[in-house]
Amino acid sequence: MVLLFLSLAAVLGLATVMDGGWAALIVTAVWAVVAAVLYQKGRGRISTVSPKPERTVETLTSSPPRGGFLRLAL
């Protein structure tokens, strides 16, 4: 919500020195550049993540403890 109002303030501030349409286009272009940079950073970080849950696979493939998982205390 804050970014929306800051963007609106930027458009209105730029509209005092140029046409409002151009001001809105400039603010939109700035947001497009910010989005592209964040996309590239996220894409770089996600390539380092392994999609295979190693710990879960290891836990599931290990043999259960002696007596099974549900040992009742009698």
N, C-alpha and C. Protein backbone atom coordinates (compact mmCIF):
# COMPACT_ATOMS: atom_id res chain seq x y z
N MET A 1 0.82 -1.18 0.00
CA MET A 1 0.00 0.00 0.00
C MET A 1 0.88 1.26 0.00
N VAL A 2 1.96 1.18 0.76
CA VAL A 2 2.87 2.32 0.83
C VAL A 2 3.51 2.57 -0.53
N LEU A 3 3.91 1.50 -1.20
CA LEU A 3 4.54 1.66 -2.52
C LEU A 3 3.56 2.24 -3.53
N LEU A 4 2.30 1.89 -3.40
CA LEU A 4 1.29 2.45 -4.30
C LEU A 4 1.20 3.97 -4.11
N PHE A 5 1.15 4.41 -2.85
CA PHE A 5 1.05 5.84 -2.59
C PHE A 5 2.34 6.57 -2.96
N LEU A 6 3.49 5.94 -2.75
CA LEU A 6 4.75 6.56 -3.17
C LEU A 6 4.82 6.68 -4.69
N SER A 7 4.32 5.66 -5.38
CA SER A 7 4.30 5.73 -6.84
C SER A 7 3.37 6.84 -7.31
N LEU A 8 2.23 6.95 -6.69
CA LEU A 8 1.29 8.02 -7.04
C LEU A 8 1.91 9.40 -6.76
N ALA A 9 2.61 9.52 -5.63
CA ALA A 9 3.27 10.78 -5.32
C ALA A 9 4.36 11.10 -6.34
N ALA A 10 5.07 10.06 -6.79
CA ALA A 10 6.10 10.28 -7.81
C ALA A 10 5.48 10.74 -9.12
N VAL A 11 4.37 10.12 -9.50
CA VAL A 11 3.69 10.53 -10.73
C VAL A 11 3.21 11.96 -10.62
N LEU A 12 2.58 12.30 -9.50
CA LEU A 12 2.08 13.67 -9.32
C LEU A 12 3.21 14.68 -9.23
N GLY A 13 4.33 14.27 -8.62
CA GLY A 13 5.48 15.17 -8.56
C GLY A 13 6.08 15.42 -9.93
N LEU A 14 6.20 14.36 -10.72
CA LEU A 14 6.72 14.53 -12.07
C LEU A 14 5.73 15.27 -12.97
N ALA A 15 4.45 15.15 -12.67
CA ALA A 15 3.44 15.81 -13.49
C ALA A 15 3.49 17.33 -13.36
N THR A 16 4.16 17.82 -12.34
CA THR A 16 4.28 19.28 -12.21
C THR A 16 5.28 19.85 -13.21
N VAL A 17 6.19 19.01 -13.69
CA VAL A 17 7.20 19.50 -14.65
C VAL A 17 7.02 18.94 -16.05
N MET A 18 6.09 17.98 -16.21
CA MET A 18 5.83 17.41 -17.54
C MET A 18 4.40 16.93 -17.61
N ASP A 19 3.99 16.43 -18.75
CA ASP A 19 2.64 15.91 -18.92
C ASP A 19 2.43 14.68 -18.01
N GLY A 20 1.22 14.52 -17.49
CA GLY A 20 0.92 13.44 -16.56
C GLY A 20 1.10 12.06 -17.16
N GLY A 21 0.80 11.90 -18.43
CA GLY A 21 0.98 10.61 -19.10
C GLY A 21 2.44 10.19 -19.15
N TRP A 22 3.29 11.14 -19.48
CA TRP A 22 4.73 10.84 -19.51
C TRP A 22 5.26 10.53 -18.11
N ALA A 23 4.75 11.24 -17.12
CA ALA A 23 5.16 11.00 -15.73
C ALA A 23 4.79 9.58 -15.31
N ALA A 24 3.58 9.16 -15.65
CA ALA A 24 3.15 7.81 -15.31
C ALA A 24 3.98 6.77 -16.05
N LEU A 25 4.31 7.06 -17.30
CA LEU A 25 5.13 6.13 -18.08
C LEU A 25 6.53 6.00 -17.49
N ILE A 26 7.10 7.07 -17.02
CA ILE A 26 8.43 7.03 -16.40
C ILE A 26 8.40 6.21 -15.12
N VAL A 27 7.40 6.43 -14.27
CA VAL A 27 7.29 5.66 -13.02
C VAL A 27 7.07 4.18 -13.34
N THR A 28 6.27 3.88 -14.34
CA THR A 28 6.05 2.49 -14.75
C THR A 28 7.34 1.85 -15.24
N ALA A 29 8.13 2.60 -16.00
CA ALA A 29 9.41 2.08 -16.49
C ALA A 29 10.37 1.80 -15.33
N VAL A 30 10.37 2.66 -14.33
CA VAL A 30 11.23 2.43 -13.16
C VAL A 30 10.81 1.15 -12.45
N TRP A 31 9.49 0.94 -12.28
CA TRP A 31 9.02 -0.29 -11.64
C TRP A 31 9.34 -1.51 -12.49
N ALA A 32 9.31 -1.38 -13.81
CA ALA A 32 9.66 -2.50 -14.68
C ALA A 32 11.13 -2.88 -14.52
N VAL A 33 11.98 -1.89 -14.38
CA VAL A 33 13.41 -2.17 -14.17
C VAL A 33 13.62 -2.84 -12.82
N VAL A 34 12.94 -2.36 -11.78
CA VAL A 34 13.05 -2.98 -10.45
C VAL A 34 12.58 -4.43 -10.51
N ALA A 35 11.47 -4.68 -11.20
CA ALA A 35 10.94 -6.04 -11.32
C ALA A 35 11.91 -6.94 -12.07
N ALA A 36 12.53 -6.43 -13.13
CA ALA A 36 13.48 -7.23 -13.90
C ALA A 36 14.71 -7.59 -13.07
N VAL A 37 15.20 -6.65 -12.29
CA VAL A 37 16.36 -6.92 -11.43
C VAL A 37 16.02 -7.97 -10.38
N LEU A 38 14.85 -7.82 -9.74
CA LEU A 38 14.45 -8.80 -8.72
C LEU A 38 14.23 -10.18 -9.34
N TYR A 39 13.69 -10.22 -10.54
CA TYR A 39 13.49 -11.49 -11.23
C TYR A 39 14.82 -12.19 -11.49
N GLN A 40 15.79 -11.44 -11.97
CA GLN A 40 17.10 -12.04 -12.26
C GLN A 40 17.79 -12.52 -10.98
N LYS A 41 17.68 -11.76 -9.90
CA LYS A 41 18.28 -12.18 -8.64
C LYS A 41 17.60 -13.44 -8.11
N GLY A 42 16.29 -13.48 -8.19
CA GLY A 42 15.55 -14.66 -7.74
C GLY A 42 15.85 -15.88 -8.58
N ARG A 43 15.97 -15.68 -9.88
CA ARG A 43 16.28 -16.80 -10.77
C ARG A 43 17.67 -17.36 -10.48
N GLY A 44 18.59 -16.48 -10.15
CA GLY A 44 19.95 -16.93 -9.80
C GLY A 44 19.97 -17.69 -8.48
N ARG A 45 19.16 -17.25 -7.52
CA ARG A 45 19.14 -17.92 -6.22
C ARG A 45 18.42 -19.26 -6.28
N ILE A 46 17.40 -19.36 -7.11
CA ILE A 46 16.64 -20.60 -7.15
C ILE A 46 17.41 -21.69 -7.89
N SER A 47 18.36 -21.32 -8.71
CA SER A 47 19.15 -22.34 -9.42
C SER A 47 20.10 -23.06 -8.46
N THR A 48 20.38 -22.47 -7.30
CA THR A 48 21.26 -23.11 -6.35
C THR A 48 20.53 -24.07 -5.42
N VAL A 49 19.20 -24.06 -5.46
CA VAL A 49 18.39 -24.90 -4.58
C VAL A 49 18.14 -26.24 -5.25
N SER A 50 18.33 -27.31 -4.51
CA SER A 50 18.06 -28.64 -5.02
C SER A 50 16.58 -28.95 -4.85
N PRO A 51 15.90 -29.39 -5.91
CA PRO A 51 14.46 -29.67 -5.78
C PRO A 51 14.17 -30.97 -5.02
N LYS A 52 15.19 -31.78 -4.81
CA LYS A 52 15.00 -33.05 -4.12
C LYS A 52 15.20 -32.85 -2.62
N PRO A 53 14.21 -33.20 -1.81
CA PRO A 53 14.36 -33.05 -0.36
C PRO A 53 15.27 -34.15 0.20
N GLU A 54 16.54 -33.85 0.31
CA GLU A 54 17.54 -34.85 0.68
C GLU A 54 17.26 -35.49 2.04
N ARG A 55 16.96 -34.68 3.05
CA ARG A 55 16.73 -35.23 4.39
C ARG A 55 15.51 -36.14 4.43
N THR A 56 14.46 -35.76 3.72
CA THR A 56 13.25 -36.58 3.70
C THR A 56 13.51 -37.91 3.02
N VAL A 57 14.22 -37.89 1.90
CA VAL A 57 14.54 -39.13 1.20
C VAL A 57 15.40 -40.02 2.08
N GLU A 58 16.36 -39.43 2.75
CA GLU A 58 17.24 -40.21 3.64
C GLU A 58 16.44 -40.83 4.78
N THR A 59 15.52 -40.08 5.34
CA THR A 59 14.71 -40.59 6.44
C THR A 59 13.80 -41.72 5.98
N LEU A 60 13.21 -41.56 4.82
CA LEU A 60 12.29 -42.58 4.32
C LEU A 60 13.00 -43.86 3.90
N THR A 61 14.23 -43.74 3.42
CA THR A 61 14.94 -44.93 2.96
C THR A 61 15.69 -45.65 4.08
N SER A 62 15.88 -45.01 5.21
CA SER A 62 16.56 -45.68 6.32
C SER A 62 15.62 -46.71 6.93
N SER A 63 16.21 -47.75 7.48
CA SER A 63 15.38 -48.81 8.06
C SER A 63 14.78 -48.33 9.38
N PRO A 64 13.58 -48.78 9.69
CA PRO A 64 12.97 -48.36 10.96
C PRO A 64 13.70 -48.98 12.13
N PRO A 65 13.59 -48.37 13.30
CA PRO A 65 14.26 -48.94 14.47
C PRO A 65 13.67 -50.31 14.82
N ARG A 66 14.44 -51.08 15.56
CA ARG A 66 14.02 -52.43 15.91
C ARG A 66 12.70 -52.37 16.68
N GLY A 67 11.74 -53.17 16.25
CA GLY A 67 10.45 -53.17 16.91
C GLY A 67 9.44 -52.27 16.19
N GLY A 68 9.84 -51.59 15.15
CA GLY A 68 8.91 -50.76 14.40
C GLY A 68 8.82 -49.36 14.98
N PHE A 69 8.05 -48.55 14.29
CA PHE A 69 7.91 -47.16 14.70
C PHE A 69 6.97 -47.04 15.89
N LEU A 70 5.95 -47.86 15.96
CA LEU A 70 4.97 -47.74 17.04
C LEU A 70 5.22 -48.82 18.08
N ARG A 71 6.04 -48.51 19.00
CA ARG A 71 6.35 -49.47 20.07
C ARG A 71 5.49 -49.11 21.27
N LEU A 72 4.66 -50.02 21.69
CA LEU A 72 3.77 -49.77 22.82
C LEU A 72 4.45 -50.20 24.12
N ALA A 73 4.38 -49.33 25.08
CA ALA A 73 4.94 -49.66 26.40
C ALA A 73 3.86 -50.36 27.20
N LEU A 74 4.11 -51.61 27.53
CA LEU A 74 3.13 -52.38 28.30
C LEU A 74 3.55 -52.52 29.72
